[in-house]
Amino acid sequence: MIDETIASVERKKAQLDALRPLSASAMAQLRAHYDVDLIFSALRSASAKSSATTSPDIRPAARPT
């Protein structure tokens, strides 16, 4: 079992190593993606903290007459 896991990890590492070094374009795309992802996560986290400390203003939707 452990031998199979080690062999699997070694195969996956070899696949990753074959992709290195990344092109400048690929690196720029990764940086942009992670910048957006980190900003989104930070904003979501800040929003969750602020909504946890304030009571929500929830009103039922008006029914059409």
Protein backbone atom coordinates (compact mmCIF):
# COMPACT_ATOMS: atom_id res chain seq x y z
CA MET A 1 0.00 0.00 0.00
CA ILE A 2 2.69 2.51 0.99
CA ASP A 3 4.83 1.49 -1.99
CA GLU A 4 1.92 2.22 -4.34
CA THR A 5 1.39 5.62 -2.73
CA ILE A 6 5.08 6.51 -3.02
CA ALA A 7 5.14 5.41 -6.67
CA SER A 8 2.03 7.49 -7.38
CA VAL A 9 3.57 10.57 -5.76
CA GLU A 10 6.80 10.07 -7.71
CA ARG A 11 4.87 9.81 -11.01
CA LYS A 12 2.91 12.96 -10.24
CA LYS A 13 6.08 14.81 -9.26
CA ALA A 14 7.70 13.77 -12.54
CA GLN A 15 4.67 15.14 -14.43
CA LEU A 16 4.95 18.45 -12.58
CA ASP A 17 8.70 18.63 -13.10
CA ALA A 18 8.18 18.18 -16.85
CA LEU A 19 6.08 21.36 -16.88
CA ARG A 20 8.81 23.48 -15.29
CA PRO A 21 9.84 26.19 -15.74
CA LEU A 22 6.54 27.89 -16.42
CA SER A 23 6.43 30.46 -19.16
CA ALA A 24 6.26 34.14 -18.23
CA SER A 25 2.71 34.25 -19.60
CA ALA A 26 1.61 31.28 -17.48
CA MET A 27 3.17 32.85 -14.37
CA ALA A 28 1.40 36.16 -15.04
CA GLN A 29 -1.94 34.35 -15.41
CA LEU A 30 -1.39 32.45 -12.16
CA ARG A 31 -0.46 35.62 -10.29
CA ALA A 32 -3.56 37.42 -11.58
CA HIS A 33 -5.78 34.48 -10.65
CA TYR A 34 -4.41 34.25 -7.12
CA ASP A 35 -4.52 38.02 -6.62
CA VAL A 36 -8.24 38.00 -7.44
CA ASP A 37 -8.83 34.89 -5.34
CA LEU A 38 -7.03 36.31 -2.30
CA ILE A 39 -8.85 39.64 -2.57
CA PHE A 40 -12.21 37.88 -2.87
CA SER A 41 -11.46 35.65 0.11
CA ALA A 42 -10.34 38.61 2.23
CA LEU A 43 -13.46 40.60 1.37
CA ARG A 44 -15.72 37.62 2.03
CA SER A 45 -14.02 37.01 5.36
CA ALA A 46 -14.35 40.68 6.36
CA SER A 47 -18.00 40.66 5.32
CA ALA A 48 -18.70 37.53 7.36
CA LYS A 49 -17.08 39.07 10.44
CA SER A 50 -19.05 42.30 10.16
CA SER A 51 -22.37 40.55 9.55
CA ALA A 52 -21.79 38.32 12.56
CA THR A 53 -21.54 41.34 14.83
CA THR A 54 -24.57 43.21 13.51
CA SER A 55 -28.16 42.09 13.38
CA PRO A 56 -29.39 41.56 9.84
CA ASP A 57 -32.15 43.77 8.47
CA ILE A 58 -34.36 41.05 7.02
CA ARG A 59 -37.86 41.86 5.95
CA PRO A 60 -40.31 39.54 4.22
CA ALA A 61 -40.84 40.20 0.55
CA ALA A 62 -44.00 42.10 -0.31
CA ARG A 63 -46.69 39.94 -1.81
CA PRO A 64 -48.22 41.06 -5.07
CA THR A 65 -51.82 42.16 -4.70
